[in-house]
Amino acid sequence: MKQRIITGLIGGAGFLLLIYVGGAWYSLLVFLLAVIGLFEFMRMAGLQPLHAAGILGYVLLASILWPSLAFSSWLNISMPDLMLPVLLLLLIYSVLRKNQFHIEHIALTLVGALYIGYGFTYMAAARNLPEGFMLTVLVILAIWSTDSGAYFVGKAIGKRKLWPEISPNKTIEGSIGGLLASIIVVLGVNAIFGNLTLSEALTIAFVAGIVGQLGDLVESAFKRHFHVKDSGQLIPGHGGVLDRFDSFLLVFPVLHLLGIV
């Protein structure tokens, strides 16, 4: 726990600093996180991240992310929609590999690239908005407060299991505590530093408090299915990129669909 707290404080401070700096540095961070996340996903799924099919997954990921990265406009390189070409190449590759790379592998490669690609895309895009710094920080604080509230309330008074088949330690009481923590933190921070309307702030709080926990359960379901404890070992005490950013990968896209980011 001590290592987890120390790593979390140092990593969180560095992360917030890069959000503040923005521009190419933040875009580069998001891009690297996405690439590492896809590597972790493919390795969990039993795929070979650095073989031909894995590289096609990275290409699709990059094509999704590229328009939202700050340095994409500087390089003046347009990235076309590569979904169809990548799909066709994966199908052809499965034939060339004589079904050693089969339909389930194709599906997992595509799902991994889309799930991780869109999650990090809207995380990067939020920072590019006129009020992008404050908006991004508010969403991240909402997610972090949800995690903390769920953990501490669950440890203190949690009794009824939320979804034991997927994540046996999560409780209904903890889940409610996480949602309440998100609402309190978002409304408090926005009242002092932000300028969002009440409805916008509440939307962020509720999406982080509900969808953020769903994102955590999605990642837990993946790990349980693939029989792994953590997605990786990159972050001491926290596991891998997907372990730490699982909530982000659903919260930012949902907020985009709702017109917030």
Protein backbone atom coordinates (compact mmCIF):
# COMPACT_ATOMS: atom_id res chain seq x y z
CA MET A 1 0.00 0.00 0.00
CA LYS A 2 2.87 2.38 0.86
CA GLN A 3 4.46 1.81 -2.57
CA ARG A 4 1.08 2.29 -4.24
CA ILE A 5 0.52 5.63 -2.50
CA ILE A 6 4.03 6.95 -3.22
CA THR A 7 3.90 5.90 -6.86
CA GLY A 8 0.40 7.35 -7.20
CA LEU A 9 1.41 10.72 -5.77
CA ILE A 10 4.54 11.03 -7.93
CA GLY A 11 2.83 9.75 -11.07
CA GLY A 12 -0.26 11.87 -10.49
CA ALA A 13 1.79 15.03 -10.02
CA GLY A 14 3.79 14.37 -13.18
CA PHE A 15 0.63 13.59 -15.10
CA LEU A 16 -1.06 16.82 -14.01
CA LEU A 17 2.09 18.77 -14.90
CA LEU A 18 2.02 17.42 -18.47
CA ILE A 19 -1.68 18.23 -18.74
CA TYR A 20 -0.83 21.80 -17.72
CA VAL A 21 2.00 22.00 -20.28
CA GLY A 22 -0.29 20.55 -22.95
CA GLY A 23 0.70 20.69 -26.61
CA ALA A 24 3.13 18.16 -28.01
CA TRP A 25 4.32 16.94 -24.62
CA TYR A 26 0.86 15.92 -23.45
CA SER A 27 0.02 14.46 -26.87
CA LEU A 28 3.22 12.42 -26.79
CA LEU A 29 2.32 11.09 -23.34
CA VAL A 30 -1.18 10.07 -24.50
CA PHE A 31 0.25 8.41 -27.61
CA LEU A 32 2.81 6.43 -25.59
CA LEU A 33 0.16 5.37 -23.06
CA ALA A 34 -2.07 4.16 -25.91
CA VAL A 35 0.73 2.16 -27.56
CA ILE A 36 1.72 0.56 -24.24
CA GLY A 37 -1.94 -0.11 -23.45
CA LEU A 38 -2.47 -1.94 -26.74
CA PHE A 39 0.74 -3.91 -26.16
CA GLU A 40 -0.62 -4.98 -22.74
CA PHE A 41 -4.01 -5.86 -24.21
CA MET A 42 -2.55 -8.03 -26.97
CA ARG A 43 -0.20 -9.77 -24.58
CA MET A 44 -3.10 -10.49 -22.18
CA ALA A 45 -5.10 -11.89 -25.09
CA GLY A 46 -2.31 -14.25 -26.07
CA LEU A 47 -1.50 -12.35 -29.27
CA GLN A 48 2.00 -11.47 -30.46
CA PRO A 49 2.24 -7.67 -30.23
CA LEU A 50 5.29 -7.31 -32.45
CA HIS A 51 4.32 -9.66 -35.28
CA ALA A 52 2.54 -8.62 -38.49
CA ALA A 53 -1.02 -8.68 -37.08
CA GLY A 54 0.06 -6.81 -33.95
CA ILE A 55 1.68 -4.10 -36.06
CA LEU A 56 -1.57 -3.73 -37.99
CA GLY A 57 -3.26 -3.15 -34.62
CA TYR A 58 -0.80 -0.35 -33.84
CA VAL A 59 -1.39 1.17 -37.29
CA LEU A 60 -5.15 1.23 -36.70
CA LEU A 61 -4.60 2.69 -33.21
CA ALA A 62 -2.37 5.44 -34.62
CA SER A 63 -4.90 6.31 -37.33
CA ILE A 64 -7.61 6.77 -34.70
CA LEU A 65 -5.42 8.85 -32.39
CA TRP A 66 -3.60 10.97 -34.96
CA PRO A 67 -6.17 13.78 -35.57
CA SER A 68 -6.44 14.55 -31.84
CA LEU A 69 -2.68 14.86 -31.24
CA ALA A 70 -1.29 18.39 -31.06
CA PHE A 71 1.68 17.71 -33.32
CA SER A 72 -0.44 16.19 -36.11
CA SER A 73 -1.20 19.68 -37.49
CA TRP A 74 2.46 20.69 -37.33
CA LEU A 75 3.59 17.77 -39.48
CA ASN A 76 0.82 18.33 -42.02
CA ILE A 77 0.30 14.59 -42.45
CA SER A 78 -3.27 13.43 -42.92
CA MET A 79 -4.16 9.97 -41.65
CA PRO A 80 -6.97 8.28 -43.60
CA ASP A 81 -9.55 5.95 -42.03
CA LEU A 82 -7.66 2.67 -41.95
CA MET A 83 -10.36 0.46 -40.44
CA LEU A 84 -11.28 -1.26 -43.71
CA PRO A 85 -7.70 -1.77 -45.00
CA VAL A 86 -6.58 -3.16 -41.63
CA LEU A 87 -9.57 -5.50 -41.48
CA LEU A 88 -8.90 -6.81 -44.97
CA LEU A 89 -5.20 -7.30 -44.25
CA LEU A 90 -5.99 -9.17 -41.02
CA LEU A 91 -8.36 -11.48 -42.92
CA ILE A 92 -5.71 -12.14 -45.56
CA TYR A 93 -3.11 -12.70 -42.84
CA SER A 94 -5.31 -15.36 -41.21
CA VAL A 95 -5.33 -17.27 -44.51
CA LEU A 96 -1.57 -16.93 -44.98
CA ARG A 97 -1.01 -18.23 -41.46
CA LYS A 98 -3.19 -21.26 -42.29
CA ASN A 99 -5.60 -20.51 -39.45
CA GLN A 100 -2.89 -20.27 -36.78
CA PHE A 101 -4.08 -16.67 -36.61
CA HIS A 102 -7.86 -17.11 -36.67
CA ILE A 103 -11.11 -15.17 -36.42
CA GLU A 104 -10.95 -14.68 -32.63
CA HIS A 105 -7.47 -13.17 -33.00
CA ILE A 106 -8.75 -10.79 -35.68
CA ALA A 107 -11.62 -9.72 -33.43
CA LEU A 108 -9.35 -9.18 -30.41
CA THR A 109 -6.85 -7.12 -32.45
CA LEU A 110 -9.63 -4.86 -33.72
CA VAL A 111 -11.39 -4.54 -30.35
CA GLY A 112 -8.12 -3.70 -28.61
CA ALA A 113 -7.20 -0.98 -31.13
CA LEU A 114 -10.71 0.55 -31.08
CA TYR A 115 -11.26 0.35 -27.32
CA ILE A 116 -7.88 1.85 -26.45
CA GLY A 117 -7.68 4.14 -29.48
CA TYR A 118 -10.98 5.93 -28.93
CA GLY A 119 -10.46 6.16 -25.18
CA PHE A 120 -7.14 7.95 -25.49
CA THR A 121 -8.31 9.94 -28.53
CA TYR A 122 -10.96 11.79 -26.55
CA MET A 123 -8.63 12.14 -23.61
CA ALA A 124 -6.22 14.01 -25.91
CA ALA A 125 -9.01 15.92 -27.68
CA ALA A 126 -10.39 17.28 -24.40
CA ARG A 127 -7.10 19.09 -23.74
CA ASN A 128 -7.29 20.81 -27.16
CA LEU A 129 -10.51 22.64 -26.26
CA PRO A 130 -10.39 26.36 -25.25
CA GLU A 131 -10.94 25.43 -21.59
CA GLY A 132 -9.20 22.12 -22.09
CA PHE A 133 -6.84 22.23 -19.14
CA MET A 134 -9.50 22.81 -16.51
CA LEU A 135 -11.93 20.44 -18.19
CA THR A 136 -9.38 17.62 -18.42
CA VAL A 137 -8.26 18.11 -14.83
CA LEU A 138 -11.87 18.14 -13.61
CA VAL A 139 -12.65 14.85 -15.38
CA ILE A 140 -9.49 13.23 -14.02
CA LEU A 141 -10.18 14.44 -10.49
CA ALA A 142 -13.69 13.04 -10.80
CA ILE A 143 -12.29 9.64 -11.82
CA TRP A 144 -9.66 9.62 -9.09
CA SER A 145 -12.16 10.68 -6.42
CA THR A 146 -14.54 7.94 -7.58
CA ASP A 147 -11.78 5.34 -7.20
CA SER A 148 -10.77 6.64 -3.77
CA GLY A 149 -14.32 7.04 -2.50
CA ALA A 150 -15.30 3.56 -3.65
CA TYR A 151 -12.22 2.03 -2.03
CA PHE A 152 -12.43 3.73 1.36
CA VAL A 153 -16.23 3.55 1.74
CA GLY A 154 -16.16 -0.07 0.60
CA LYS A 155 -13.45 -0.92 3.15
CA ALA A 156 -15.33 0.89 5.92
CA ILE A 157 -18.94 -0.20 5.46
CA GLY A 158 -19.12 -2.35 2.32
CA LYS A 159 -21.14 -5.53 2.75
CA ARG A 160 -23.22 -6.22 -0.36
CA LYS A 161 -21.20 -7.34 -3.38
CA LEU A 162 -21.57 -5.23 -6.50
CA TRP A 163 -20.58 -7.76 -9.17
CA PRO A 164 -18.79 -10.72 -7.55
CA GLU A 165 -18.48 -12.74 -10.77
CA ILE A 166 -16.19 -10.05 -12.22
CA SER A 167 -14.72 -8.15 -9.26
CA PRO A 168 -15.39 -9.87 -5.92
CA ASN A 169 -13.99 -7.06 -3.74
CA LYS A 170 -16.27 -4.28 -5.01
CA THR A 171 -19.40 -3.48 -3.00
CA ILE A 172 -22.61 -1.58 -3.62
CA GLU A 173 -21.84 0.70 -0.67
CA GLY A 174 -18.40 1.44 -2.11
CA SER A 175 -19.88 2.17 -5.51
CA ILE A 176 -22.32 4.69 -4.02
CA GLY A 177 -19.48 6.22 -2.01
CA GLY A 178 -17.44 6.62 -5.19
CA LEU A 179 -20.30 8.39 -6.95
CA LEU A 180 -20.87 10.75 -4.01
CA ALA A 181 -17.14 11.52 -3.83
CA SER A 182 -17.13 12.37 -7.53
CA ILE A 183 -20.08 14.75 -7.12
CA ILE A 184 -18.56 16.50 -4.09
CA VAL A 185 -15.13 16.94 -5.69
CA VAL A 186 -16.39 18.10 -9.09
CA LEU A 187 -18.87 20.60 -7.69
CA GLY A 188 -16.33 21.89 -5.16
CA VAL A 189 -13.43 22.28 -7.63
CA ASN A 190 -15.68 23.79 -10.29
CA ALA A 191 -17.13 26.30 -7.80
CA ILE A 192 -13.62 27.51 -6.87
CA PHE A 193 -11.63 27.21 -10.10
CA GLY A 194 -13.93 26.33 -12.99
CA ASN A 195 -16.64 28.00 -14.98
CA LEU A 196 -18.79 25.09 -16.09
CA THR A 197 -22.53 25.28 -15.66
CA LEU A 198 -24.10 23.21 -12.91
CA SER A 199 -25.53 20.76 -15.44
CA GLU A 200 -22.13 20.30 -17.14
CA ALA A 201 -20.38 19.76 -13.81
CA LEU A 202 -23.02 17.26 -12.69
CA THR A 203 -22.77 15.42 -16.01
CA ILE A 204 -19.02 15.01 -15.53
CA ALA A 205 -19.51 13.87 -11.93
CA PHE A 206 -22.17 11.31 -12.77
CA VAL A 207 -20.37 9.96 -15.84
CA ALA A 208 -17.13 9.59 -13.88
CA GLY A 209 -18.96 8.12 -10.89
CA ILE A 210 -20.96 5.58 -12.89
CA VAL A 211 -19.22 4.99 -16.24
CA GLY A 212 -15.81 5.20 -14.58
CA GLN A 213 -16.70 2.27 -12.34
CA LEU A 214 -18.08 0.42 -15.35
CA GLY A 215 -14.74 0.96 -17.11
CA ASP A 216 -13.02 -0.63 -14.12
CA LEU A 217 -15.38 -3.62 -14.35
CA VAL A 218 -14.73 -3.95 -18.09
CA GLU A 219 -10.99 -4.23 -17.45
CA SER A 220 -11.62 -6.66 -14.58
CA ALA A 221 -13.73 -8.79 -16.92
CA PHE A 222 -10.90 -8.85 -19.48
CA LYS A 223 -8.35 -9.88 -16.86
CA ARG A 224 -10.61 -12.56 -15.40
CA HIS A 225 -11.28 -13.96 -18.87
CA PHE A 226 -7.57 -14.02 -19.75
CA HIS A 227 -6.60 -15.30 -16.27
CA VAL A 228 -4.18 -12.49 -15.39
CA LYS A 229 -3.93 -10.41 -12.23
CA ASP A 230 -2.69 -7.18 -13.82
CA SER A 231 -2.43 -5.96 -17.41
CA GLY A 232 1.28 -5.18 -16.88
CA GLN A 233 3.98 -4.19 -14.40
CA LEU A 234 4.85 -0.71 -15.69
CA ILE A 235 3.59 1.24 -12.66
CA PRO A 236 4.85 -0.13 -9.30
CA GLY A 237 1.93 -0.91 -7.01
CA HIS A 238 -0.63 -0.17 -9.73
CA GLY A 239 0.03 -2.72 -12.49
CA GLY A 240 -0.02 -1.63 -16.11
CA VAL A 241 -1.41 1.24 -18.16
CA LEU A 242 -4.78 -0.47 -18.60
CA ASP A 243 -5.05 -1.09 -14.86
CA ARG A 244 -4.53 2.61 -14.17
CA PHE A 245 -6.46 4.12 -17.10
CA ASP A 246 -9.37 1.67 -17.46
CA SER A 247 -11.93 4.24 -16.28
CA PHE A 248 -10.50 6.93 -18.58
CA LEU A 249 -11.08 4.70 -21.61
CA LEU A 250 -14.86 4.82 -21.15
CA VAL A 251 -15.40 8.14 -19.37
CA PHE A 252 -13.84 10.41 -22.01
CA PRO A 253 -15.68 8.80 -25.00
CA VAL A 254 -19.02 8.95 -23.15
CA LEU A 255 -18.45 12.62 -22.27
CA HIS A 256 -17.67 13.21 -25.96
CA LEU A 257 -20.95 11.59 -26.99
CA LEU A 258 -22.74 13.85 -24.48
CA GLY A 259 -21.06 16.94 -25.97
CA ILE A 260 -18.91 17.79 -22.93
CA VAL A 261 -15.47 17.07 -24.44
